[in-house]
Amino acid sequence: MDLHNDEQGAAAIAAFEKAIELGYREGASSYNIACGYSQKGDKDRAFEWLKKAEDAGFSVSGYLESDDDLDNLRSDPRWAA
């Protein structure tokens, strides 16, 4: 999270991927990867990782409207889904 908060997107994504590989907080890590991709403007990967977070049991809906990391996704037609 420190990497994410320090806007070191690529390093944060790699760290969250490592966490998933180790079986640590897979849902939350997937969600944070989605946030990282959203911040980078990679909407396809962001939506892919939001789905993975949801599939891993993370309650995505509780964060969608308030997390400004996802601002880049709100204008996309897939957002409504």
Protein backbone atom coordinates (compact mmCIF):
# COMPACT_ATOMS: atom_id res chain seq x y z
CA MET A 1 0.00 0.00 0.00
CA ASP A 2 2.91 2.35 0.64
CA LEU A 3 3.99 2.00 -3.00
CA HIS A 4 0.43 2.62 -4.16
CA ASN A 5 0.04 5.65 -1.90
CA ASP A 6 3.39 7.01 -3.11
CA GLU A 7 2.10 6.76 -6.69
CA GLN A 8 4.63 4.11 -7.68
CA GLY A 9 2.06 2.29 -9.77
CA ALA A 10 4.19 -0.34 -11.51
CA ALA A 11 5.97 -1.32 -8.30
CA ALA A 12 2.67 -1.42 -6.40
CA ILE A 13 1.07 -3.66 -9.01
CA ALA A 14 4.05 -6.02 -8.87
CA ALA A 15 3.88 -6.13 -5.07
CA PHE A 16 0.16 -6.89 -5.07
CA GLU A 17 0.71 -9.62 -7.69
CA LYS A 18 3.34 -11.14 -5.40
CA ALA A 19 0.88 -11.02 -2.50
CA ILE A 20 -1.66 -12.92 -4.60
CA GLU A 21 0.98 -15.46 -5.58
CA LEU A 22 1.65 -16.01 -1.88
CA GLY A 23 -2.07 -16.35 -1.14
CA TYR A 24 -2.25 -13.15 0.91
CA ARG A 25 -5.46 -11.10 0.74
CA GLU A 26 -6.15 -12.07 -2.84
CA GLY A 27 -9.35 -10.07 -3.15
CA ALA A 28 -7.97 -6.85 -1.69
CA SER A 29 -4.75 -7.23 -3.66
CA SER A 30 -6.71 -7.75 -6.88
CA TYR A 31 -8.77 -4.66 -6.14
CA ASN A 32 -5.64 -2.60 -5.56
CA ILE A 33 -4.18 -3.85 -8.84
CA ALA A 34 -7.37 -2.65 -10.54
CA CYS A 35 -6.87 0.75 -8.92
CA GLY A 36 -3.29 0.86 -10.16
CA TYR A 37 -4.31 0.07 -13.72
CA SER A 38 -7.09 2.63 -13.56
CA GLN A 39 -4.62 5.30 -12.47
CA LYS A 40 -2.36 4.34 -15.38
CA GLY A 41 -5.29 4.70 -17.78
CA ASP A 42 -5.38 1.00 -18.67
CA LYS A 43 -9.13 0.54 -18.45
CA ASP A 44 -9.21 -2.99 -19.87
CA ARG A 45 -6.83 -4.33 -17.24
CA ALA A 46 -8.54 -2.32 -14.51
CA PHE A 47 -11.93 -3.87 -15.31
CA GLU A 48 -10.28 -7.31 -15.58
CA TRP A 49 -8.82 -6.95 -12.09
CA LEU A 50 -12.05 -5.59 -10.61
CA LYS A 51 -13.71 -8.79 -11.80
CA LYS A 52 -10.90 -10.87 -10.28
CA ALA A 53 -11.30 -9.03 -6.99
CA GLU A 54 -15.01 -9.71 -7.00
CA ASP A 55 -14.43 -13.37 -7.89
CA ALA A 56 -11.99 -13.62 -4.97
CA GLY A 57 -14.72 -12.47 -2.57
CA PHE A 58 -13.81 -8.80 -2.26
CA SER A 59 -16.84 -6.52 -1.82
CA VAL A 60 -16.09 -4.22 -4.74
CA SER A 61 -19.46 -2.46 -4.61
CA GLY A 62 -18.61 -0.81 -1.30
CA TYR A 63 -15.75 1.10 -2.91
CA LEU A 64 -16.90 1.90 -6.44
CA GLU A 65 -18.50 5.27 -5.81
CA SER A 66 -16.01 6.63 -3.30
CA ASP A 67 -12.58 5.47 -4.48
CA ASP A 68 -11.02 8.22 -6.59
CA ASP A 69 -8.46 5.71 -7.88
CA LEU A 70 -11.27 4.52 -10.15
CA ASP A 71 -12.15 7.94 -11.57
CA ASN A 72 -10.74 6.98 -14.98
CA LEU A 73 -13.30 4.20 -15.29
CA ARG A 74 -16.50 6.08 -14.54
CA SER A 75 -17.02 7.39 -18.08
CA ASP A 76 -16.55 3.93 -19.60
CA PRO A 77 -19.74 2.11 -20.67
CA ARG A 78 -18.58 -0.96 -18.71
CA TRP A 79 -18.82 1.01 -15.46
CA ALA A 80 -22.59 0.52 -15.19
CA ALA A 81 -22.17 -3.25 -15.30
